[in-house]
C-alpha atoms as a PDB file:
ATOM      1  CA  UNK A   1       3.948  22.392  -8.838  1.00  0.00           C
ATOM      2  CA  UNK A   2       2.094  23.566  -5.694  1.00  0.00           C
ATOM      3  CA  UNK A   3       1.598  22.089  -2.443  1.00  0.00           C
ATOM      4  CA  UNK A   4      -1.508  22.431  -0.140  1.00  0.00           C
ATOM      5  CA  UNK A   5      -1.422  24.775   2.781  1.00  0.00           C
ATOM      6  CA  UNK A   6      -1.616  23.056   5.937  1.00  0.00           C
ATOM      7  CA  UNK A   7      -1.398  23.213   9.443  1.00  0.00           C
ATOM      8  CA  UNK A   8       0.494  20.631  11.094  1.00  0.00           C
ATOM      9  CA  UNK A   9       0.110  19.657  14.762  1.00  0.00           C
ATOM     10  CA  UNK A  10       3.460  18.674  16.484  1.00  0.00           C
ATOM     11  CA  UNK A  11       3.856  16.087  19.059  1.00  0.00           C
ATOM     12  CA  UNK A  12       6.754  15.140  21.181  1.00  0.00           C
ATOM     13  CA  UNK A  13       6.479  11.359  22.040  1.00  0.00           C
ATOM     14  CA  UNK A  14       8.567  12.307  25.035  1.00  0.00           C
ATOM     15  CA  UNK A  15       6.051  14.733  26.561  1.00  0.00           C
ATOM     16  CA  UNK A  16       2.936  13.038  25.093  1.00  0.00           C
ATOM     17  CA  UNK A  17       1.024  10.326  26.936  1.00  0.00           C
ATOM     18  CA  UNK A  18       1.613   7.017  25.817  1.00  0.00           C
ATOM     19  CA  UNK A  19      -2.152   6.597  24.849  1.00  0.00           C
ATOM     20  CA  UNK A  20      -1.831   9.733  22.422  1.00  0.00           C
ATOM     21  CA  UNK A  21       1.455   8.368  20.943  1.00  0.00           C
ATOM     22  CA  UNK A  22      -0.044   4.926  20.378  1.00  0.00           C
ATOM     23  CA  UNK A  23      -3.249   6.243  18.608  1.00  0.00           C
ATOM     24  CA  UNK A  24      -1.122   8.577  16.337  1.00  0.00           C
ATOM     25  CA  UNK A  25       1.339   5.735  15.294  1.00  0.00           C
ATOM     26  CA  UNK A  26      -1.477   3.441  14.742  1.00  0.00           C
ATOM     27  CA  UNK A  27      -3.420   6.039  12.499  1.00  0.00           C
ATOM     28  CA  UNK A  28      -0.462   7.432  10.494  1.00  0.00           C
ATOM     29  CA  UNK A  29       1.324   4.145  10.109  1.00  0.00           C
ATOM     30  CA  UNK A  30      -1.380   2.363   8.116  1.00  0.00           C
ATOM     31  CA  UNK A  31      -2.267  -0.086   6.423  1.00  0.00           C
ATOM     32  CA  UNK A  32      -0.357  -2.140   8.383  1.00  0.00           C
ATOM     33  CA  UNK A  33       0.266  -6.135   7.295  1.00  0.00           C
ATOM     34  CA  UNK A  34      -1.047  -8.595   9.828  1.00  0.00           C
ATOM     35  CA  UNK A  35       1.107 -11.431  11.062  1.00  0.00           C
ATOM     36  CA  UNK A  36      -1.085 -14.296  12.861  1.00  0.00           C
ATOM     37  CA  UNK A  37       1.628 -15.891  14.781  1.00  0.00           C
ATOM     38  CA  UNK A  38       1.188 -19.217  16.675  1.00  0.00           C
ATOM     39  CA  UNK A  39       3.839 -20.416  19.469  1.00  0.00           C
ATOM     40  CA  UNK A  40       4.096 -23.041  21.832  1.00  0.00           C
ATOM     41  CA  UNK A  41       4.678 -23.154  25.557  1.00  0.00           C
ATOM     42  CA  UNK A  42       7.087 -25.313  27.453  1.00  0.00           C
ATOM     43  CA  UNK A  43       4.116 -26.749  28.695  1.00  0.00           C
ATOM     44  CA  UNK A  44       2.806 -27.647  25.362  1.00  0.00           C
ATOM     45  CA  UNK A  45      -0.099 -25.203  25.322  1.00  0.00           C
ATOM     46  CA  UNK A  46      -0.711 -23.423  21.766  1.00  0.00           C
ATOM     47  CA  UNK A  47      -0.928 -19.752  21.664  1.00  0.00           C
ATOM     48  CA  UNK A  48      -2.222 -17.768  18.772  1.00  0.00           C
ATOM     49  CA  UNK A  49      -2.249 -14.178  18.368  1.00  0.00           C
ATOM     50  CA  UNK A  50      -2.122 -11.418  15.671  1.00  0.00           C
ATOM     51  CA  UNK A  51       0.236  -8.451  15.283  1.00  0.00           C
ATOM     52  CA  UNK A  52       0.232  -5.479  12.942  1.00  0.00           C
ATOM     53  CA  UNK A  53       3.692  -3.968  13.831  1.00  0.00           C
ATOM     54  CA  UNK A  54       5.144  -6.584  11.398  1.00  0.00           C
ATOM     55  CA  UNK A  55       6.493  -6.824   7.773  1.00  0.00           C
ATOM     56  CA  UNK A  56       9.466  -8.757   5.795  1.00  0.00           C
ATOM     57  CA  UNK A  57      13.109  -7.842   5.581  1.00  0.00           C
ATOM     58  CA  UNK A  58      15.425  -9.307   3.095  1.00  0.00           C
ATOM     59  CA  UNK A  59      15.183 -12.611   0.934  1.00  0.00           C
ATOM     60  CA  UNK A  60      18.150 -14.278   1.389  1.00  0.00           C
ATOM     61  CA  UNK A  61      18.029 -15.091   4.240  1.00  0.00           C
ATOM     62  CA  UNK A  62      14.245 -14.711   4.051  1.00  0.00           C
ATOM     63  CA  UNK A  63      13.539 -12.806   7.381  1.00  0.00           C
ATOM     64  CA  UNK A  64      10.013 -11.480   9.068  1.00  0.00           C
ATOM     65  CA  UNK A  65      10.088  -9.513  11.989  1.00  0.00           C
ATOM     66  CA  UNK A  66       7.089  -8.376  14.346  1.00  0.00           C
ATOM     67  CA  UNK A  67       6.931  -6.734  17.593  1.00  0.00           C
ATOM     68  CA  UNK A  68       4.824  -7.857  20.676  1.00  0.00           C
ATOM     69  CA  UNK A  69       4.665  -4.879  22.858  1.00  0.00           C
ATOM     70  CA  UNK A  70       4.392  -5.230  26.855  1.00  0.00           C
ATOM     71  CA  UNK A  71       1.192  -4.175  28.377  1.00  0.00           C
ATOM     72  CA  UNK A  72       0.318  -0.549  28.338  1.00  0.00           C
ATOM     73  CA  UNK A  73      -1.134  -0.881  31.686  1.00  0.00           C
ATOM     74  CA  UNK A  74       1.458  -2.279  33.728  1.00  0.00           C
ATOM     75  CA  UNK A  75       4.581  -3.202  31.417  1.00  0.00           C
ATOM     76  CA  UNK A  76       4.540  -7.019  31.765  1.00  0.00           C
ATOM     77  CA  UNK A  77       4.928  -9.279  28.904  1.00  0.00           C
ATOM     78  CA  UNK A  78       2.112 -11.255  26.683  1.00  0.00           C
ATOM     79  CA  UNK A  79       2.182 -15.162  26.051  1.00  0.00           C
ATOM     80  CA  UNK A  80       3.686 -14.896  22.670  1.00  0.00           C
ATOM     81  CA  UNK A  81       6.973 -13.513  23.891  1.00  0.00           C
ATOM     82  CA  UNK A  82       6.928 -15.287  26.900  1.00  0.00           C
ATOM     83  CA  UNK A  83       6.788 -18.556  24.591  1.00  0.00           C
ATOM     84  CA  UNK A  84       9.465 -17.343  22.099  1.00  0.00           C
ATOM     85  CA  UNK A  85      11.981 -16.576  25.042  1.00  0.00           C
ATOM     86  CA  UNK A  86      11.930 -20.282  25.707  1.00  0.00           C
ATOM     87  CA  UNK A  87      11.172 -22.112  22.578  1.00  0.00           C
ATOM     88  CA  UNK A  88      12.342 -20.183  19.552  1.00  0.00           C
ATOM     89  CA  UNK A  89       9.957 -21.226  16.825  1.00  0.00           C
ATOM     90  CA  UNK A  90       6.987 -19.669  15.528  1.00  0.00           C
ATOM     91  CA  UNK A  91       4.761 -19.730  12.508  1.00  0.00           C
ATOM     92  CA  UNK A  92       3.785 -16.305  10.867  1.00  0.00           C
ATOM     93  CA  UNK A  93       0.826 -16.533   8.896  1.00  0.00           C
ATOM     94  CA  UNK A  94      -1.186 -14.154   6.933  1.00  0.00           C
ATOM     95  CA  UNK A  95      -4.726 -12.918   7.363  1.00  0.00           C
ATOM     96  CA  UNK A  96      -7.191 -13.195   4.782  1.00  0.00           C
ATOM     97  CA  UNK A  97     -10.626 -11.632   4.861  1.00  0.00           C
ATOM     98  CA  UNK A  98     -12.285 -14.525   5.256  1.00  0.00           C
ATOM     99  CA  UNK A  99     -10.973 -15.197   8.738  1.00  0.00           C
ATOM    100  CA  UNK A 100     -10.475 -11.712  10.049  1.00  0.00           C
ATOM    101  CA  UNK A 101     -13.176 -12.058  12.690  1.00  0.00           C
ATOM    102  CA  UNK A 102     -11.877 -14.863  14.153  1.00  0.00           C
ATOM    103  CA  UNK A 103      -8.254 -13.157  13.947  1.00  0.00           C
ATOM    104  CA  UNK A 104      -9.704 -10.531  15.897  1.00  0.00           C
ATOM    105  CA  UNK A 105     -11.114 -13.032  18.769  1.00  0.00           C
ATOM    106  CA  UNK A 106      -7.639 -14.704  19.027  1.00  0.00           C
ATOM    107  CA  UNK A 107      -6.400 -11.124  20.201  1.00  0.00           C
ATOM    108  CA  UNK A 108      -8.412 -11.699  23.416  1.00  0.00           C
ATOM    109  CA  UNK A 109      -6.059 -11.759  26.327  1.00  0.00           C
ATOM    110  CA  UNK A 110      -6.959 -15.361  27.885  1.00  0.00           C
ATOM    111  CA  UNK A 111      -5.002 -17.220  30.284  1.00  0.00           C
ATOM    112  CA  UNK A 112      -1.795 -18.795  29.195  1.00  0.00           C
ATOM    113  CA  UNK A 113      -3.203 -22.106  29.364  1.00  0.00           C
ATOM    114  CA  UNK A 114      -5.962 -21.428  26.911  1.00  0.00           C
ATOM    115  CA  UNK A 115      -5.920 -22.393  23.089  1.00  0.00           C
ATOM    116  CA  UNK A 116      -6.514 -19.806  20.968  1.00  0.00           C
ATOM    117  CA  UNK A 117      -6.926 -21.990  18.169  1.00  0.00           C
ATOM    118  CA  UNK A 118     -10.129 -23.411  20.207  1.00  0.00           C
ATOM    119  CA  UNK A 119     -11.293 -20.230  21.108  1.00  0.00           C
ATOM    120  CA  UNK A 120     -11.242 -18.755  17.692  1.00  0.00           C
ATOM    121  CA  UNK A 121     -12.410 -21.817  15.751  1.00  0.00           C
ATOM    122  CA  UNK A 122      -9.388 -21.723  13.391  1.00  0.00           C
ATOM    123  CA  UNK A 123      -8.187 -25.007  12.738  1.00  0.00           C
ATOM    124  CA  UNK A 124      -4.439 -26.544  14.006  1.00  0.00           C
ATOM    125  CA  UNK A 125      -2.371 -28.524  11.440  1.00  0.00           C
ATOM    126  CA  UNK A 126       1.145 -29.637  12.164  1.00  0.00           C
ATOM    127  CA  UNK A 127       4.437 -28.039  11.189  1.00  0.00           C
ATOM    128  CA  UNK A 128       7.215 -29.693   9.173  1.00  0.00           C
ATOM    129  CA  UNK A 129      10.058 -28.170  11.046  1.00  0.00           C
ATOM    130  CA  UNK A 130       8.841 -26.089  13.726  1.00  0.00           C
ATOM    131  CA  UNK A 131       6.836 -27.195  17.029  1.00  0.00           C
ATOM    132  CA  UNK A 132       4.046 -24.612  16.708  1.00  0.00           C
ATOM    133  CA  UNK A 133       0.939 -25.226  14.798  1.00  0.00           C
ATOM    134  CA  UNK A 134       0.164 -23.658  11.490  1.00  0.00           C
ATOM    135  CA  UNK A 135      -3.203 -22.360  10.866  1.00  0.00           C
ATOM    136  CA  UNK A 136      -5.146 -24.217   8.128  1.00  0.00           C
ATOM    137  CA  UNK A 137      -7.378 -21.462   6.955  1.00  0.00           C
ATOM    138  CA  UNK A 138      -4.684 -18.990   6.340  1.00  0.00           C
ATOM    139  CA  UNK A 139      -3.608 -18.877   2.641  1.00  0.00           C
ATOM    140  CA  UNK A 140      -0.081 -18.212   3.455  1.00  0.00           C
ATOM    141  CA  UNK A 141       1.981 -19.549   6.392  1.00  0.00           C
ATOM    142  CA  UNK A 142       5.880 -19.161   7.185  1.00  0.00           C
ATOM    143  CA  UNK A 143       7.509 -21.718   9.518  1.00  0.00           C
ATOM    144  CA  UNK A 144      10.013 -19.643  11.435  1.00  0.00           C
ATOM    145  CA  UNK A 145      12.974 -19.994  13.884  1.00  0.00           C
ATOM    146  CA  UNK A 146      13.795 -16.929  16.302  1.00  0.00           C
ATOM    147  CA  UNK A 147      17.136 -15.659  15.364  1.00  0.00           C
ATOM    148  CA  UNK A 148      17.003 -12.651  17.683  1.00  0.00           C
ATOM    149  CA  UNK A 149      14.773 -10.927  20.210  1.00  0.00           C
ATOM    150  CA  UNK A 150      15.565  -7.212  20.761  1.00  0.00           C
ATOM    151  CA  UNK A 151      13.931  -5.430  23.494  1.00  0.00           C
ATOM    152  CA  UNK A 152      13.148  -2.074  22.471  1.00  0.00           C
ATOM    153  CA  UNK A 153      12.324  -0.685  26.288  1.00  0.00           C
ATOM    154  CA  UNK A 154      11.481  -1.788  29.745  1.00  0.00           C
ATOM    155  CA  UNK A 155       8.422   0.480  29.934  1.00  0.00           C
ATOM    156  CA  UNK A 156       4.727   0.178  29.584  1.00  0.00           C
ATOM    157  CA  UNK A 157       3.974  -0.034  25.863  1.00  0.00           C
ATOM    158  CA  UNK A 158       7.709  -0.873  24.896  1.00  0.00           C
ATOM    159  CA  UNK A 159       8.156  -3.134  21.804  1.00  0.00           C
ATOM    160  CA  UNK A 160      10.247  -6.239  21.380  1.00  0.00           C
ATOM    161  CA  UNK A 161      11.565  -7.290  17.642  1.00  0.00           C
ATOM    162  CA  UNK A 162      11.244 -10.557  17.082  1.00  0.00           C
ATOM    163  CA  UNK A 163      13.634 -11.317  14.209  1.00  0.00           C
ATOM    164  CA  UNK A 164      12.563 -14.771  12.532  1.00  0.00           C
ATOM    165  CA  UNK A 165      14.041 -16.523   9.876  1.00  0.00           C
ATOM    166  CA  UNK A 166      11.613 -18.496   7.535  1.00  0.00           C
ATOM    167  CA  UNK A 167      12.663 -21.898   7.128  1.00  0.00           C
ATOM    168  CA  UNK A 168       9.896 -23.003   5.110  1.00  0.00           C
ATOM    169  CA  UNK A 169       6.834 -21.686   3.282  1.00  0.00           C
ATOM    170  CA  UNK A 170       3.220 -22.910   2.675  1.00  0.00           C
ATOM    171  CA  UNK A 171       0.731 -21.300   0.471  1.00  0.00           C
ATOM    172  CA  UNK A 172      -2.629 -22.204  -1.188  1.00  0.00           C
ATOM    173  CA  UNK A 173      -2.252 -23.024  -4.763  1.00  0.00           C
ATOM    174  CA  UNK A 174      -5.470 -21.258  -5.411  1.00  0.00           C
ATOM    175  CA  UNK A 175      -3.785 -17.789  -4.849  1.00  0.00           C
ATOM    176  CA  UNK A 176      -1.469 -18.203  -7.518  1.00  0.00           C
ATOM    177  CA  UNK A 177      -1.917 -16.424 -11.153  1.00  0.00           C
ATOM    178  CA  UNK A 178       0.691 -16.837 -13.760  1.00  0.00           C
ATOM    179  CA  UNK A 179       3.135 -17.640 -10.841  1.00  0.00           C
ATOM    180  CA  UNK A 180       2.500 -14.436  -8.844  1.00  0.00           C
ATOM    181  CA  UNK A 181       0.289 -14.491  -5.690  1.00  0.00           C
ATOM    182  CA  UNK A 182      -2.646 -12.245  -6.875  1.00  0.00           C
ATOM    183  CA  UNK A 183      -4.126  -9.954  -4.476  1.00  0.00           C
ATOM    184  CA  UNK A 184      -7.920 -10.636  -5.640  1.00  0.00           C
ATOM    185  CA  UNK A 185      -7.199 -14.479  -4.924  1.00  0.00           C
ATOM    186  CA  UNK A 186      -5.007 -14.452  -1.737  1.00  0.00           C
ATOM    187  CA  UNK A 187      -7.673 -11.422  -0.236  1.00  0.00           C
ATOM    188  CA  UNK A 188      -5.464 -10.300   2.231  1.00  0.00           C
ATOM    189  CA  UNK A 189      -6.685  -7.739   4.825  1.00  0.00           C
ATOM    190  CA  UNK A 190      -4.578  -4.623   6.433  1.00  0.00           C
ATOM    191  CA  UNK A 191      -4.908  -2.956  10.043  1.00  0.00           C
ATOM    192  CA  UNK A 192      -5.603   0.724  10.638  1.00  0.00           C
ATOM    193  CA  UNK A 193      -6.531   2.867  13.636  1.00  0.00           C
ATOM    194  CA  UNK A 194      -9.114   2.076  16.083  1.00  0.00           C
ATOM    195  CA  UNK A 195     -11.386  -0.432  15.038  1.00  0.00           C
ATOM    196  CA  UNK A 196     -10.566   0.077  11.171  1.00  0.00           C
ATOM    197  CA  UNK A 197      -9.477  -2.291   8.619  1.00  0.00           C
ATOM    198  CA  UNK A 198      -8.376  -2.214   4.933  1.00  0.00           C
ATOM    199  CA  UNK A 199      -8.932  -4.824   2.307  1.00  0.00           C
ATOM    200  CA  UNK A 200      -6.014  -5.141  -0.044  1.00  0.00           C
ATOM    201  CA  UNK A 201      -7.931  -6.515  -2.856  1.00  0.00           C
ATOM    202  CA  UNK A 202     -10.620  -5.514  -5.098  1.00  0.00           C
ATOM    203  CA  UNK A 203     -11.060  -1.756  -5.705  1.00  0.00           C
ATOM    204  CA  UNK A 204      -8.398  -1.048  -3.022  1.00  0.00           C
ATOM    205  CA  UNK A 205      -5.880  -2.323  -5.688  1.00  0.00           C
ATOM    206  CA  UNK A 206      -4.112   0.210  -8.215  1.00  0.00           C
ATOM    207  CA  UNK A 207      -0.919  -0.307 -10.416  1.00  0.00           C
ATOM    208  CA  UNK A 208       2.021   2.118 -10.499  1.00  0.00           C
ATOM    209  CA  UNK A 209       4.560   1.234 -13.026  1.00  0.00           C
ATOM    210  CA  UNK A 210       7.968   0.966 -11.521  1.00  0.00           C
ATOM    211  CA  UNK A 211      10.610   3.906 -12.737  1.00  0.00           C
ATOM    212  CA  UNK A 212      12.130   3.147 -16.019  1.00  0.00           C
ATOM    213  CA  UNK A 213      15.714   1.447 -16.005  1.00  0.00           C
ATOM    214  CA  UNK A 214      17.470   4.222 -18.155  1.00  0.00           C
ATOM    215  CA  UNK A 215      16.144   6.877 -15.170  1.00  0.00           C
ATOM    216  CA  UNK A 216      13.216   9.178 -16.004  1.00  0.00           C
ATOM    217  CA  UNK A 217      13.925  12.931 -16.664  1.00  0.00           C
ATOM    218  CA  UNK A 218      12.377  13.875 -13.250  1.00  0.00           C
ATOM    219  CA  UNK A 219       9.691  16.525 -12.384  1.00  0.00           C
ATOM    220  CA  UNK A 220      12.482  19.400 -12.206  1.00  0.00           C
ATOM    221  CA  UNK A 221      12.590  18.862 -16.133  1.00  0.00           C
ATOM    222  CA  UNK A 222       9.266  19.207 -16.663  1.00  0.00           C
ATOM    223  CA  UNK A 223       8.331  22.723 -18.485  1.00  0.00           C
ATOM    224  CA  UNK A 224       7.311  25.354 -15.746  1.00  0.00           C
ATOM    225  CA  UNK A 225       3.724  25.562 -16.838  1.00  0.00           C
ATOM    226  CA  UNK A 226       3.276  21.714 -16.441  1.00  0.00           C
ATOM    227  CA  UNK A 227       4.925  22.112 -13.009  1.00  0.00           C
ATOM    228  CA  UNK A 228       2.652  25.145 -11.665  1.00  0.00           C
ATOM    229  CA  UNK A 229      -0.934  23.426 -13.176  1.00  0.00           C
ATOM    230  CA  UNK A 230      -3.695  23.929 -11.160  1.00  0.00           C
ATOM    231  CA  UNK A 231      -5.095  20.842 -12.570  1.00  0.00           C
ATOM    232  CA  UNK A 232      -2.049  18.219 -12.233  1.00  0.00           C
ATOM    233  CA  UNK A 233      -1.216  16.569  -8.728  1.00  0.00           C
ATOM    234  CA  UNK A 234       1.985  15.721  -7.513  1.00  0.00           C
ATOM    235  CA  UNK A 235       1.011  12.111  -8.286  1.00  0.00           C
ATOM    236  CA  UNK A 236       0.356  13.131 -11.983  1.00  0.00           C
ATOM    237  CA  UNK A 237       3.813  15.203 -12.220  1.00  0.00           C
ATOM    238  CA  UNK A 238       5.644  11.786 -10.897  1.00  0.00           C
ATOM    239  CA  UNK A 239       4.107   9.723 -13.695  1.00  0.00           C
ATOM    240  CA  UNK A 240       5.080  12.729 -16.427  1.00  0.00           C
ATOM    241  CA  UNK A 241       8.651  12.693 -14.505  1.00  0.00           C
ATOM    242  CA  UNK A 242       9.151   9.240 -15.179  1.00  0.00           C
ATOM    243  CA  UNK A 243       9.310   9.439 -19.355  1.00  0.00           C
ATOM    244  CA  UNK A 244      12.666   9.004 -20.538  1.00  0.00           C
ATOM    245  CA  UNK A 245      12.731  12.354 -23.004  1.00  0.00           C
ATOM    246  CA  UNK A 246      10.456  14.983 -23.911  1.00  0.00           C
ATOM    247  CA  UNK A 247       8.719  14.662 -27.435  1.00  0.00           C
ATOM    248  CA  UNK A 248      10.407  16.648 -30.499  1.00  0.00           C
ATOM    249  CA  UNK A 249       8.449  19.533 -31.797  1.00  0.00           C
ATOM    250  CA  UNK A 250       8.285  17.495 -35.248  1.00  0.00           C
ATOM    251  CA  UNK A 251       6.372  14.777 -33.101  1.00  0.00           C
ATOM    252  CA  UNK A 252       4.317  17.320 -31.606  1.00  0.00           C
ATOM    253  CA  UNK A 253       3.274  18.629 -34.730  1.00  0.00           C
ATOM    254  CA  UNK A 254       2.023  14.820 -36.173  1.00  0.00           C
ATOM    255  CA  UNK A 255       0.334  14.479 -32.957  1.00  0.00           C
ATOM    256  CA  UNK A 256      -1.634  17.937 -33.333  1.00  0.00           C
ATOM    257  CA  UNK A 257      -2.309  17.087 -36.931  1.00  0.00           C
ATOM    258  CA  UNK A 258      -4.033  13.759 -36.140  1.00  0.00           C
ATOM    259  CA  UNK A 259      -6.645  15.548 -33.538  1.00  0.00           C
ATOM    260  CA  UNK A 260      -7.410  18.622 -36.022  1.00  0.00           C
ATOM    261  CA  UNK A 261     -10.941  18.834 -37.978  1.00  0.00           C
ATOM    262  CA  UNK A 262     -13.104  16.622 -35.545  1.00  0.00           C
ATOM    263  CA  UNK A 263     -15.905  18.822 -35.963  1.00  0.00           C
ATOM    264  CA  UNK A 264     -16.730  19.290 -32.471  1.00  0.00           C
ATOM    265  CA  UNK A 265     -19.369  21.833 -31.625  1.00  0.00           C
ATOM    266  CA  UNK A 266     -19.217  23.998 -28.224  1.00  0.00           C
ATOM    267  CA  UNK A 267     -22.568  22.764 -27.029  1.00  0.00           C
ATOM    268  CA  UNK A 268     -20.981  19.108 -27.099  1.00  0.00           C
ATOM    269  CA  UNK A 269     -18.239  19.980 -24.944  1.00  0.00           C
ATOM    270  CA  UNK A 270     -19.930  19.701 -21.353  1.00  0.00           C
ATOM    271  CA  UNK A 271     -20.989  16.292 -22.153  1.00  0.00           C
ATOM    272  CA  UNK A 272     -17.511  15.294 -23.450  1.00  0.00           C
ATOM    273  CA  UNK A 273     -15.866  16.635 -20.434  1.00  0.00           C
ATOM    274  CA  UNK A 274     -18.079  13.797 -18.326  1.00  0.00           C
ATOM    275  CA  UNK A 275     -16.725  11.174 -20.490  1.00  0.00           C
ATOM    276  CA  UNK A 276     -13.372   9.299 -19.698  1.00  0.00           C
ATOM    277  CA  UNK A 277     -11.967   9.208 -23.084  1.00  0.00           C
ATOM    278  CA  UNK A 278      -8.718  11.868 -22.878  1.00  0.00           C
ATOM    279  CA  UNK A 279      -8.622  11.786 -27.013  1.00  0.00           C
ATOM    280  CA  UNK A 280     -11.992  13.067 -27.340  1.00  0.00           C
ATOM    281  CA  UNK A 281     -11.573  15.769 -24.650  1.00  0.00           C
ATOM    282  CA  UNK A 282      -8.194  16.674 -26.338  1.00  0.00           C
ATOM    283  CA  UNK A 283     -10.375  17.145 -29.534  1.00  0.00           C
ATOM    284  CA  UNK A 284     -12.898  19.132 -27.739  1.00  0.00           C
ATOM    285  CA  UNK A 285     -10.157  21.456 -26.466  1.00  0.00           C
ATOM    286  CA  UNK A 286      -8.724  22.141 -30.105  1.00  0.00           C
ATOM    287  CA  UNK A 287     -12.072  23.383 -31.251  1.00  0.00           C
ATOM    288  CA  UNK A 288     -11.677  26.397 -28.737  1.00  0.00           C
ATOM    289  CA  UNK A 289      -8.129  27.281 -29.866  1.00  0.00           C
ATOM    290  CA  UNK A 290      -9.587  30.464 -31.854  1.00  0.00           C
ATOM    291  CA  UNK A 291     -12.383  31.240 -29.544  1.00  0.00           C
ATOM    292  CA  UNK A 292     -11.156  30.757 -25.929  1.00  0.00           C
ATOM    293  CA  UNK A 293      -7.764  29.777 -25.672  1.00  0.00           C
ATOM    294  CA  UNK A 294      -7.735  29.752 -21.689  1.00  0.00           C
ATOM    295  CA  UNK A 295     -10.559  27.206 -21.534  1.00  0.00           C
ATOM    296  CA  UNK A 296      -8.754  25.321 -24.168  1.00  0.00           C
ATOM    297  CA  UNK A 297      -5.678  25.129 -22.163  1.00  0.00           C
ATOM    298  CA  UNK A 298      -7.780  23.886 -19.050  1.00  0.00           C
ATOM    299  CA  UNK A 299      -9.478  21.258 -21.097  1.00  0.00           C
ATOM    300  CA  UNK A 300      -6.155  20.154 -22.428  1.00  0.00           C
ATOM    301  CA  UNK A 301      -5.174  19.962 -19.238  1.00  0.00           C
ATOM    302  CA  UNK A 302      -8.298  17.513 -18.156  1.00  0.00           C
ATOM    303  CA  UNK A 303      -7.416  15.348 -20.881  1.00  0.00           C
ATOM    304  CA  UNK A 304      -3.890  14.905 -19.823  1.00  0.00           C
ATOM    305  CA  UNK A 305      -5.142  13.970 -16.189  1.00  0.00           C
ATOM    306  CA  UNK A 306      -7.402  11.466 -17.439  1.00  0.00           C
ATOM    307  CA  UNK A 307      -4.808  10.213 -19.659  1.00  0.00           C
ATOM    308  CA  UNK A 308      -2.488   9.634 -16.540  1.00  0.00           C
ATOM    309  CA  UNK A 309      -5.577   8.016 -14.770  1.00  0.00           C
ATOM    310  CA  UNK A 310      -5.555   5.189 -17.602  1.00  0.00           C
ATOM    311  CA  UNK A 311      -1.519   4.910 -17.501  1.00  0.00           C
ATOM    312  CA  UNK A 312      -1.414   6.589 -20.710  1.00  0.00           C
ATOM    313  CA  UNK A 313       1.875   9.032 -20.185  1.00  0.00           C
ATOM    314  CA  UNK A 314       2.863   9.148 -23.803  1.00  0.00           C
ATOM    315  CA  UNK A 315      -0.790  10.772 -24.708  1.00  0.00           C
ATOM    316  CA  UNK A 316      -0.319  12.906 -21.503  1.00  0.00           C
ATOM    317  CA  UNK A 317       3.090  14.573 -22.414  1.00  0.00           C
ATOM    318  CA  UNK A 318       2.528  14.964 -25.973  1.00  0.00           C
ATOM    319  CA  UNK A 319      -1.023  16.787 -25.229  1.00  0.00           C
ATOM    320  CA  UNK A 320       0.530  19.313 -22.853  1.00  0.00           C
ATOM    321  CA  UNK A 321       3.554  20.158 -24.643  1.00  0.00           C
ATOM    322  CA  UNK A 322       1.315  20.302 -27.952  1.00  0.00           C
ATOM    323  CA  UNK A 323      -0.775  23.059 -25.990  1.00  0.00           C
ATOM    324  CA  UNK A 324       2.099  25.615 -26.280  1.00  0.00           C
ATOM    325  CA  UNK A 325       2.542  25.218 -30.232  1.00  0.00           C
ATOM    326  CA  UNK A 326      -1.227  25.446 -30.581  1.00  0.00           C
ATOM    327  CA  UNK A 327      -2.110  28.329 -28.179  1.00  0.00           C
ATOM    328  CA  UNK A 328       0.766  30.718 -28.417  1.00  0.00           C
END
């Protein structure tokens, strides 16, 4: 297993400017989920603002945490934090692609008496257990009681951890599929650096199987020729390291026999390599075992990589280990 040669730039946050550190965090800690937080002032003014320094921490009790930072220019606090210090309630809402422009508008620093629901055109609806309003257009809403507000500093740009217990959850029934909130139905977005956002649905979604309960063998137990492959990546090796055990020689012989005598001609191989069928690619590699062993091994690795892309780890490990029986 080889890692790419990289040249690192190192930054000491105590020596760099606030702007530089902030930009690095926004670019390197990404994509970040967005909390659209509604609060209410002592005078009864609604406030609505998005925060991307945000996540969930535990389910019993259910806790969400977000961080309203002090202004970078002068260190003063903003309306959301000021409101929460007086009325320790809020609603934390998810942000879907359908409302992202309105949410962005709500991030404008209007005066504390200005209602961002009105400015953004989002619809306020009454909460059941807390005073702040919910956002009707959000597909997922959490009514919260503030447990703690933890100041992380008194300087310009310093954060404040707002630790909230979720006391009631509301969600659009249309986002459920087989009892699970489906990414392509809830259509959430995440925050990146500068003006960039990420979709958390459509082609951005991919699956990774959880490690097996009985513990995978680990990358360290893979044969050296696999670990040092020029074709397979660290992600590929991670999939292979999740298998419970390596196949036996008898299993490998049976595997090889099932792919022999396919009758692929050398001129057909370039076209086969353009396809996404790892079985056919492996068969093409077998046709070269006598005439071009090095190229045969390369094509076997390509077949294994294609299989891993399709989450067929069993085929991939059999193909790779079979190569040693075929080519030695």
